[in-house]
C-alpha cells in the first residue's frame, strides 16, 4: 500500500513520543480524515529536539482544517521513515493474531524479527499488546517484532516504556 498524495506536517512542539501519539490520535478522531489516511510521528533532532506529526491523506482538506485550528502546518513529510500510529487497519490489530492476519488486516507490508533472518511464518502468533507501530522503510510499512515468552512474537516497541533515568 502506498501513501496518499497529500502529506502535511504538523509541528505542535511535542517533546516526546507518548504525547505525540496522544495528540495524533486526538486529531485523527476530531478531524475524521478520509479512509486510508496515515498519521505518523517523526523525531526531529538538532537545537530543538521534538516530535512532529504528519498526515498523508487523499485530499488537501486535512491540512486546511489543521491550519484553521491554529497548528503550524507545512506541506510534505519531514522524512521518509515516519512511525505510523494511524494507518488502514490499525484499529483491528488487537489481541493475539497470526502474522498472516496482521498483514491481511492492515497496511503493514512486511514484518521482521530482531536478530532473525527472513520473515516469520504466516502462522506465527503475535501478541499485539494493542500497540502496533510500524515504520516506513523504502516506501513500505514494516513492523519490527521480537520473541517473547511462550513462543510468541510481540512488537519491539512497548506501549508503556520505562522513562529514561527512572531508576536513579
N, C-alpha and C. Protein backbone atom coordinates (compact mmCIF):
# COMPACT_ATOMS: atom_id res chain seq x y z
N UNK A 1 0.85 -1.18 0.00
CA UNK A 1 0.00 0.00 0.00
C UNK A 1 0.89 1.24 0.00
N UNK A 2 0.56 2.21 -0.80
CA UNK A 2 1.35 3.43 -0.87
C UNK A 2 0.65 4.55 -0.11
N UNK A 3 1.44 5.55 0.22
CA UNK A 3 0.90 6.70 0.95
C UNK A 3 0.03 7.54 0.03
N UNK A 4 -1.05 8.10 0.56
CA UNK A 4 -1.87 9.04 -0.23
C UNK A 4 -1.05 10.27 -0.61
N UNK A 5 -1.50 11.03 -1.60
CA UNK A 5 -0.67 12.10 -2.17
C UNK A 5 -0.53 13.38 -1.34
N UNK A 6 -1.48 13.69 -0.48
CA UNK A 6 -1.42 14.95 0.26
C UNK A 6 -0.80 14.70 1.64
N UNK A 7 0.43 15.17 1.82
CA UNK A 7 1.14 14.96 3.07
C UNK A 7 1.36 16.31 3.75
N UNK A 8 1.00 16.37 5.01
CA UNK A 8 1.10 17.60 5.79
C UNK A 8 1.84 17.30 7.08
N UNK A 9 2.77 18.16 7.44
CA UNK A 9 3.47 18.03 8.71
C UNK A 9 2.91 19.05 9.69
N UNK A 10 2.71 18.59 10.91
CA UNK A 10 2.20 19.45 11.99
C UNK A 10 3.28 19.51 13.05
N UNK A 11 3.75 20.72 13.34
CA UNK A 11 4.73 20.90 14.40
C UNK A 11 4.03 21.56 15.58
N UNK A 12 3.70 20.73 16.56
CA UNK A 12 3.00 21.24 17.76
C UNK A 12 3.95 21.33 18.95
N UNK A 13 5.26 21.26 18.65
CA UNK A 13 6.28 21.38 19.69
C UNK A 13 6.10 20.33 20.79
N UNK A 14 5.89 19.09 20.39
CA UNK A 14 5.68 17.99 21.33
C UNK A 14 7.05 17.40 21.68
N UNK A 15 7.37 17.27 22.97
CA UNK A 15 8.71 16.84 23.37
C UNK A 15 8.98 15.34 23.31
N UNK A 16 7.94 14.49 23.35
CA UNK A 16 8.21 13.05 23.40
C UNK A 16 7.11 12.24 22.71
N UNK A 17 7.47 10.98 22.37
CA UNK A 17 6.60 10.13 21.56
C UNK A 17 5.23 9.89 22.16
N UNK A 18 5.17 9.60 23.42
CA UNK A 18 3.87 9.27 24.03
C UNK A 18 2.88 10.43 23.88
N UNK A 19 3.33 11.64 24.12
CA UNK A 19 2.46 12.82 23.96
C UNK A 19 2.11 13.02 22.49
N UNK A 20 3.07 12.72 21.59
CA UNK A 20 2.80 12.85 20.15
C UNK A 20 1.75 11.83 19.71
N UNK A 21 1.85 10.60 20.20
CA UNK A 21 0.84 9.58 19.89
C UNK A 21 -0.54 10.07 20.34
N UNK A 22 -0.60 10.58 21.54
CA UNK A 22 -1.87 11.04 22.09
C UNK A 22 -2.46 12.17 21.24
N UNK A 23 -1.63 13.15 20.88
CA UNK A 23 -2.11 14.28 20.06
C UNK A 23 -2.54 13.79 18.68
N UNK A 24 -1.76 12.90 18.09
CA UNK A 24 -2.09 12.40 16.75
C UNK A 24 -3.44 11.66 16.76
N UNK A 25 -3.64 10.81 17.75
CA UNK A 25 -4.91 10.08 17.85
C UNK A 25 -6.07 11.03 18.12
N UNK A 26 -5.83 12.03 18.94
CA UNK A 26 -6.87 13.02 19.24
C UNK A 26 -7.24 13.81 17.98
N UNK A 27 -6.24 14.25 17.22
CA UNK A 27 -6.52 15.00 15.98
C UNK A 27 -7.22 14.12 14.95
N UNK A 28 -6.80 12.88 14.84
CA UNK A 28 -7.44 11.97 13.87
C UNK A 28 -8.90 11.74 14.24
N UNK A 29 -9.19 11.60 15.52
CA UNK A 29 -10.58 11.41 15.94
C UNK A 29 -11.41 12.67 15.70
N UNK A 30 -10.81 13.81 15.96
CA UNK A 30 -11.53 15.07 15.81
C UNK A 30 -11.75 15.44 14.34
N UNK A 31 -10.76 15.25 13.51
CA UNK A 31 -10.85 15.67 12.11
C UNK A 31 -11.54 14.62 11.23
N UNK A 32 -11.56 13.37 11.69
CA UNK A 32 -12.14 12.28 10.91
C UNK A 32 -11.66 12.36 9.46
N UNK A 33 -10.35 12.19 9.25
CA UNK A 33 -9.82 12.28 7.88
C UNK A 33 -10.36 11.14 7.02
N UNK A 34 -10.23 11.27 5.70
CA UNK A 34 -10.78 10.24 4.81
C UNK A 34 -10.16 8.86 5.04
N UNK A 35 -10.91 7.85 4.63
CA UNK A 35 -10.42 6.46 4.70
C UNK A 35 -9.05 6.36 4.03
N UNK A 36 -8.19 5.57 4.60
CA UNK A 36 -6.87 5.36 4.01
C UNK A 36 -5.81 6.35 4.47
N UNK A 37 -6.14 7.16 5.47
CA UNK A 37 -5.20 8.14 5.99
C UNK A 37 -4.10 7.47 6.80
N UNK A 38 -2.91 8.03 6.70
CA UNK A 38 -1.78 7.61 7.52
C UNK A 38 -1.42 8.78 8.42
N UNK A 39 -1.24 8.51 9.71
CA UNK A 39 -0.77 9.51 10.66
C UNK A 39 0.51 9.00 11.31
N UNK A 40 1.58 9.76 11.18
CA UNK A 40 2.90 9.29 11.64
C UNK A 40 3.55 10.28 12.58
N UNK A 41 4.49 9.78 13.36
CA UNK A 41 5.35 10.64 14.16
C UNK A 41 6.75 10.61 13.57
N UNK A 42 7.47 11.72 13.76
CA UNK A 42 8.83 11.85 13.23
C UNK A 42 9.69 12.53 14.29
N UNK A 43 10.84 11.97 14.57
CA UNK A 43 11.76 12.58 15.53
C UNK A 43 12.57 13.66 14.81
N UNK A 44 12.60 14.84 15.42
CA UNK A 44 13.38 15.95 14.89
C UNK A 44 14.53 16.19 15.85
N UNK A 45 15.74 16.14 15.34
CA UNK A 45 16.92 16.35 16.18
C UNK A 45 17.46 17.75 15.93
N UNK A 46 18.49 18.13 16.63
CA UNK A 46 19.08 19.43 16.42
C UNK A 46 18.94 20.31 17.65
N UNK A 47 18.94 21.61 17.43
CA UNK A 47 18.89 22.55 18.55
C UNK A 47 17.60 22.45 19.35
N UNK A 48 16.52 22.06 18.68
CA UNK A 48 15.23 21.98 19.36
C UNK A 48 14.61 20.59 19.10
N UNK A 49 15.13 19.54 19.79
CA UNK A 49 14.60 18.20 19.56
C UNK A 49 13.12 18.13 19.94
N UNK A 50 12.36 17.45 19.10
CA UNK A 50 10.93 17.32 19.34
C UNK A 50 10.37 16.23 18.43
N UNK A 51 9.08 15.99 18.57
CA UNK A 51 8.39 15.04 17.72
C UNK A 51 7.35 15.81 16.92
N UNK A 52 7.37 15.66 15.60
CA UNK A 52 6.35 16.29 14.76
C UNK A 52 5.46 15.19 14.19
N UNK A 53 4.29 15.60 13.74
CA UNK A 53 3.30 14.67 13.21
C UNK A 53 3.16 14.88 11.72
N UNK A 54 2.79 13.84 11.02
CA UNK A 54 2.43 14.01 9.62
C UNK A 54 1.14 13.25 9.34
N UNK A 55 0.37 13.81 8.44
CA UNK A 55 -0.84 13.15 7.97
C UNK A 55 -0.73 13.02 6.46
N UNK A 56 -0.94 11.83 5.94
CA UNK A 56 -0.99 11.59 4.50
C UNK A 56 -2.42 11.19 4.17
N UNK A 57 -3.07 12.01 3.36
CA UNK A 57 -4.49 11.79 3.08
C UNK A 57 -4.76 11.86 1.58
N UNK A 58 -5.97 11.49 1.22
CA UNK A 58 -6.37 11.52 -0.19
C UNK A 58 -6.85 12.90 -0.63
N UNK A 59 -7.00 13.84 0.31
CA UNK A 59 -7.42 15.20 -0.07
C UNK A 59 -6.62 16.22 0.74
N UNK A 60 -6.61 17.45 0.25
CA UNK A 60 -5.88 18.53 0.91
C UNK A 60 -6.68 19.13 2.06
N UNK A 61 -7.87 18.65 2.28
CA UNK A 61 -8.75 19.23 3.29
C UNK A 61 -8.18 19.11 4.71
N UNK A 62 -7.50 18.02 5.02
CA UNK A 62 -6.96 17.84 6.37
C UNK A 62 -5.96 18.94 6.71
N UNK A 63 -5.10 19.32 5.78
CA UNK A 63 -4.13 20.39 6.02
C UNK A 63 -4.85 21.71 6.29
N UNK A 64 -5.85 22.00 5.50
CA UNK A 64 -6.61 23.25 5.70
C UNK A 64 -7.28 23.26 7.07
N UNK A 65 -7.84 22.14 7.46
CA UNK A 65 -8.54 22.07 8.75
C UNK A 65 -7.56 22.18 9.92
N UNK A 66 -6.38 21.59 9.79
CA UNK A 66 -5.37 21.71 10.85
C UNK A 66 -4.90 23.15 10.99
N UNK A 67 -4.67 23.82 9.87
CA UNK A 67 -4.25 25.23 9.90
C UNK A 67 -5.34 26.09 10.51
N UNK A 68 -6.59 25.79 10.19
CA UNK A 68 -7.71 26.57 10.74
C UNK A 68 -7.79 26.42 12.26
N UNK A 69 -7.30 25.30 12.78
CA UNK A 69 -7.30 25.09 14.23
C UNK A 69 -6.10 25.76 14.90
N UNK A 70 -5.23 26.40 14.10
CA UNK A 70 -4.10 27.14 14.66
C UNK A 70 -2.79 26.38 14.70
N UNK A 71 -2.75 25.19 14.11
CA UNK A 71 -1.49 24.43 14.11
C UNK A 71 -0.57 24.93 13.02
N UNK A 72 0.74 24.86 13.30
CA UNK A 72 1.76 25.20 12.31
C UNK A 72 1.87 24.00 11.36
N UNK A 73 1.46 24.18 10.11
CA UNK A 73 1.50 23.08 9.15
C UNK A 73 2.38 23.45 7.97
N UNK A 74 3.05 22.44 7.43
CA UNK A 74 3.85 22.61 6.21
C UNK A 74 3.54 21.43 5.29
N UNK A 75 3.72 21.67 4.02
CA UNK A 75 3.48 20.60 3.04
C UNK A 75 4.63 19.61 3.06
N UNK A 76 4.31 18.33 2.88
CA UNK A 76 5.33 17.29 2.82
C UNK A 76 5.64 16.69 4.17
N UNK A 77 6.38 15.60 4.15
CA UNK A 77 6.79 14.92 5.38
C UNK A 77 8.21 15.35 5.74
N UNK A 78 8.54 15.37 7.02
CA UNK A 78 9.88 15.78 7.42
C UNK A 78 10.96 14.75 7.05
N UNK A 79 10.56 13.48 6.87
CA UNK A 79 11.50 12.45 6.45
C UNK A 79 10.70 11.29 5.85
N UNK A 80 11.39 10.27 5.40
CA UNK A 80 10.74 9.12 4.74
C UNK A 80 10.53 7.94 5.67
N UNK A 81 10.83 8.10 6.96
CA UNK A 81 10.78 6.96 7.87
C UNK A 81 9.82 7.18 9.03
N UNK A 82 8.69 7.77 8.77
CA UNK A 82 7.73 8.02 9.85
C UNK A 82 7.30 6.74 10.55
N UNK A 83 6.96 6.91 11.80
CA UNK A 83 6.45 5.81 12.64
C UNK A 83 4.94 5.92 12.62
N UNK A 84 4.27 4.94 12.03
CA UNK A 84 2.83 5.03 11.83
C UNK A 84 2.05 4.72 13.11
N UNK A 85 1.14 5.61 13.44
CA UNK A 85 0.24 5.45 14.58
C UNK A 85 -1.17 5.18 14.07
N UNK A 86 -1.56 5.94 13.04
CA UNK A 86 -2.87 5.77 12.39
C UNK A 86 -2.59 5.30 10.97
N UNK A 87 -3.17 4.19 10.59
CA UNK A 87 -3.00 3.66 9.22
C UNK A 87 -4.15 2.70 8.96
N UNK A 88 -4.42 2.41 7.72
CA UNK A 88 -5.52 1.50 7.43
C UNK A 88 -5.35 0.18 8.18
N UNK A 89 -6.38 -0.17 8.93
CA UNK A 89 -6.39 -1.42 9.67
C UNK A 89 -5.80 -1.35 11.06
N UNK A 90 -5.23 -0.23 11.45
CA UNK A 90 -4.55 -0.15 12.76
C UNK A 90 -5.50 -0.47 13.91
N UNK A 91 -6.74 -0.07 13.81
CA UNK A 91 -7.69 -0.33 14.90
C UNK A 91 -8.05 -1.81 15.04
N UNK A 92 -7.77 -2.59 14.01
CA UNK A 92 -8.11 -4.02 14.03
C UNK A 92 -6.97 -4.90 14.56
N UNK A 93 -5.87 -4.29 14.93
CA UNK A 93 -4.71 -5.07 15.38
C UNK A 93 -4.69 -5.15 16.91
N UNK A 94 -5.61 -5.93 17.45
CA UNK A 94 -5.71 -6.09 18.90
C UNK A 94 -5.59 -7.56 19.26
N UNK A 95 -5.21 -7.81 20.49
CA UNK A 95 -5.12 -9.19 20.98
C UNK A 95 -4.01 -9.98 20.32
N UNK A 96 -4.25 -11.26 20.13
CA UNK A 96 -3.27 -12.14 19.51
C UNK A 96 -3.72 -12.50 18.10
N UNK A 97 -2.84 -12.30 17.16
CA UNK A 97 -3.11 -12.56 15.74
C UNK A 97 -1.97 -13.39 15.17
N UNK A 98 -2.22 -13.99 14.03
CA UNK A 98 -1.10 -14.61 13.31
C UNK A 98 -0.46 -13.53 12.44
N UNK A 99 0.73 -13.80 11.97
CA UNK A 99 1.39 -12.87 11.06
C UNK A 99 0.52 -12.66 9.83
N UNK A 100 -0.07 -13.72 9.31
CA UNK A 100 -0.93 -13.62 8.12
C UNK A 100 -2.13 -12.70 8.39
N UNK A 101 -2.76 -12.83 9.57
CA UNK A 101 -3.90 -11.96 9.90
C UNK A 101 -3.45 -10.51 10.04
N UNK A 102 -2.31 -10.30 10.66
CA UNK A 102 -1.79 -8.95 10.86
C UNK A 102 -1.56 -8.26 9.51
N UNK A 103 -0.99 -8.99 8.58
CA UNK A 103 -0.72 -8.41 7.26
C UNK A 103 -2.02 -8.22 6.46
N UNK A 104 -2.95 -9.16 6.58
CA UNK A 104 -4.19 -9.07 5.81
C UNK A 104 -5.12 -7.97 6.31
N UNK A 105 -5.07 -7.67 7.61
CA UNK A 105 -5.99 -6.69 8.20
C UNK A 105 -5.50 -5.25 8.14
N UNK A 106 -4.26 -5.05 7.75
CA UNK A 106 -3.70 -3.70 7.87
C UNK A 106 -2.84 -3.33 6.66
N UNK A 107 -2.35 -2.11 6.69
CA UNK A 107 -1.48 -1.60 5.63
C UNK A 107 -0.03 -2.02 5.82
N UNK A 108 0.25 -2.78 6.87
CA UNK A 108 1.62 -3.25 7.09
C UNK A 108 1.99 -4.20 5.96
N UNK A 109 3.11 -3.93 5.33
CA UNK A 109 3.51 -4.72 4.17
C UNK A 109 4.42 -5.88 4.49
N UNK A 110 5.10 -5.79 5.64
CA UNK A 110 6.09 -6.82 5.97
C UNK A 110 6.40 -6.76 7.45
N UNK A 111 6.76 -7.93 8.03
CA UNK A 111 7.22 -7.97 9.41
C UNK A 111 8.62 -8.56 9.42
N UNK A 112 9.43 -8.10 10.36
CA UNK A 112 10.76 -8.64 10.56
C UNK A 112 10.92 -8.94 12.04
N UNK A 113 11.80 -9.88 12.36
CA UNK A 113 12.05 -10.25 13.75
C UNK A 113 13.50 -9.89 14.06
N UNK A 114 13.69 -9.15 15.14
CA UNK A 114 15.04 -8.76 15.54
C UNK A 114 15.93 -9.98 15.68
N UNK A 115 17.08 -9.93 15.05
CA UNK A 115 18.07 -10.99 15.18
C UNK A 115 17.76 -12.25 14.42
N UNK A 116 16.72 -12.27 13.63
CA UNK A 116 16.36 -13.48 12.89
C UNK A 116 16.43 -13.20 11.40
N UNK A 117 16.95 -14.18 10.65
CA UNK A 117 16.98 -13.99 9.19
C UNK A 117 15.59 -14.22 8.60
N UNK A 118 15.26 -13.56 7.54
CA UNK A 118 14.00 -13.79 6.84
C UNK A 118 12.80 -13.32 7.63
N UNK A 119 11.64 -13.70 7.15
CA UNK A 119 10.38 -13.31 7.78
C UNK A 119 9.80 -14.50 8.54
N UNK A 120 9.03 -14.24 9.59
CA UNK A 120 8.41 -15.35 10.33
C UNK A 120 7.33 -16.01 9.48
N UNK A 121 6.99 -17.29 9.78
CA UNK A 121 5.95 -17.96 9.00
C UNK A 121 4.59 -17.30 9.22
N UNK A 122 3.70 -17.39 8.23
CA UNK A 122 2.38 -16.76 8.35
C UNK A 122 1.58 -17.24 9.56
N UNK A 123 1.83 -18.44 10.03
CA UNK A 123 1.07 -18.97 11.17
C UNK A 123 1.64 -18.55 12.53
N UNK A 124 2.76 -17.85 12.54
CA UNK A 124 3.38 -17.41 13.80
C UNK A 124 2.43 -16.48 14.55
N UNK A 125 2.21 -16.74 15.84
CA UNK A 125 1.32 -15.89 16.65
C UNK A 125 2.05 -14.63 17.13
N UNK A 126 1.32 -13.51 17.11
CA UNK A 126 1.84 -12.21 17.53
C UNK A 126 0.88 -11.64 18.58
N UNK A 127 1.40 -11.37 19.76
CA UNK A 127 0.62 -10.70 20.81
C UNK A 127 0.82 -9.21 20.59
N UNK A 128 -0.22 -8.51 20.14
CA UNK A 128 -0.06 -7.12 19.72
C UNK A 128 0.08 -6.14 20.88
N UNK A 129 -0.39 -6.52 22.05
CA UNK A 129 -0.43 -5.61 23.21
C UNK A 129 -1.22 -4.34 22.86
N UNK A 130 -2.03 -4.43 21.81
CA UNK A 130 -2.86 -3.31 21.34
C UNK A 130 -2.02 -2.06 21.06
N UNK A 131 -0.79 -2.28 20.64
CA UNK A 131 0.14 -1.17 20.37
C UNK A 131 1.07 -1.60 19.24
N UNK A 132 0.68 -1.31 18.02
CA UNK A 132 1.43 -1.75 16.84
C UNK A 132 1.85 -0.51 16.07
N UNK A 133 3.16 -0.23 16.04
CA UNK A 133 3.68 0.99 15.42
C UNK A 133 4.74 0.65 14.37
N UNK A 134 4.29 0.33 13.15
CA UNK A 134 5.27 0.05 12.08
C UNK A 134 5.93 1.35 11.60
N UNK A 135 7.02 1.19 10.87
CA UNK A 135 7.73 2.36 10.31
C UNK A 135 7.84 2.22 8.80
N UNK A 136 7.85 3.36 8.12
CA UNK A 136 8.07 3.37 6.67
C UNK A 136 9.53 3.04 6.40
N UNK A 137 9.74 2.07 5.51
CA UNK A 137 11.09 1.72 5.06
C UNK A 137 11.00 1.48 3.56
N UNK A 138 11.67 2.27 2.80
CA UNK A 138 11.68 2.13 1.33
C UNK A 138 10.26 2.06 0.76
N UNK A 139 9.38 2.93 1.26
CA UNK A 139 8.03 3.01 0.73
C UNK A 139 7.07 1.93 1.19
N UNK A 140 7.46 1.18 2.22
CA UNK A 140 6.63 0.07 2.72
C UNK A 140 6.56 0.17 4.24
N UNK A 141 5.37 -0.12 4.81
CA UNK A 141 5.26 -0.15 6.28
C UNK A 141 5.81 -1.48 6.78
N UNK A 142 6.79 -1.40 7.67
CA UNK A 142 7.45 -2.58 8.20
C UNK A 142 7.32 -2.59 9.72
N UNK A 143 6.85 -3.71 10.26
CA UNK A 143 6.71 -3.86 11.70
C UNK A 143 7.85 -4.73 12.23
N UNK A 144 8.56 -4.23 13.22
CA UNK A 144 9.64 -4.99 13.84
C UNK A 144 9.09 -5.70 15.08
N UNK A 145 9.31 -7.01 15.12
CA UNK A 145 8.85 -7.84 16.23
C UNK A 145 10.05 -8.41 16.97
N UNK A 146 9.78 -8.96 18.16
CA UNK A 146 10.82 -9.65 18.92
C UNK A 146 10.20 -10.87 19.60
N UNK A 147 11.01 -11.90 19.83
CA UNK A 147 10.49 -13.09 20.52
C UNK A 147 10.09 -12.75 21.95
N UNK A 148 9.07 -13.47 22.44
CA UNK A 148 8.61 -13.31 23.82
C UNK A 148 8.33 -14.68 24.41
N UNK A 149 8.08 -14.71 25.71
CA UNK A 149 7.80 -15.97 26.41
C UNK A 149 6.60 -16.66 25.78
N UNK A 150 6.65 -17.99 25.76
CA UNK A 150 5.55 -18.77 25.23
C UNK A 150 5.61 -19.00 23.74
N UNK A 151 6.74 -18.65 23.12
CA UNK A 151 6.90 -18.90 21.69
C UNK A 151 6.16 -17.94 20.79
N UNK A 152 5.75 -16.80 21.33
CA UNK A 152 5.04 -15.81 20.53
C UNK A 152 6.00 -14.67 20.17
N UNK A 153 5.53 -13.80 19.29
CA UNK A 153 6.26 -12.57 18.97
C UNK A 153 5.46 -11.40 19.51
N UNK A 154 6.15 -10.31 19.81
CA UNK A 154 5.49 -9.06 20.25
C UNK A 154 6.15 -7.91 19.50
N UNK A 155 5.43 -6.80 19.31
CA UNK A 155 6.07 -5.63 18.71
C UNK A 155 7.28 -5.19 19.53
N UNK A 156 8.32 -4.78 18.84
CA UNK A 156 9.53 -4.33 19.53
C UNK A 156 9.23 -3.12 20.41
N UNK A 157 8.38 -2.22 19.95
CA UNK A 157 8.05 -1.03 20.74
C UNK A 157 7.00 -1.39 21.77
N UNK A 158 7.29 -1.14 23.02
CA UNK A 158 6.35 -1.44 24.10
C UNK A 158 5.40 -0.26 24.29
N UNK A 159 4.17 -0.54 24.74
CA UNK A 159 3.20 0.56 24.88
C UNK A 159 3.49 1.49 26.04
N UNK A 160 4.17 1.01 27.07
CA UNK A 160 4.43 1.85 28.25
C UNK A 160 5.89 1.73 28.67
N UNK A 161 6.80 2.32 27.91
CA UNK A 161 8.23 2.18 28.23
C UNK A 161 8.59 2.88 29.54
N UNK A 162 9.61 2.33 30.19
CA UNK A 162 10.12 2.97 31.39
C UNK A 162 10.87 4.23 30.98
N UNK A 163 10.52 5.36 31.56
CA UNK A 163 11.21 6.60 31.18
C UNK A 163 12.71 6.52 31.46
N UNK A 164 13.47 7.17 30.62
CA UNK A 164 14.91 7.22 30.80
C UNK A 164 15.24 7.77 32.18
N UNK A 165 16.20 7.14 32.86
CA UNK A 165 16.67 7.58 34.17
C UNK A 165 15.60 7.43 35.26
N UNK A 166 14.61 6.54 35.05
CA UNK A 166 13.54 6.37 36.03
C UNK A 166 14.02 5.70 37.31
N UNK A 167 15.13 4.93 37.22
CA UNK A 167 15.56 4.19 38.40
C UNK A 167 16.74 4.82 39.12
N UNK A 168 17.08 6.03 38.78
CA UNK A 168 18.16 6.69 39.51
C UNK A 168 17.98 8.18 39.50
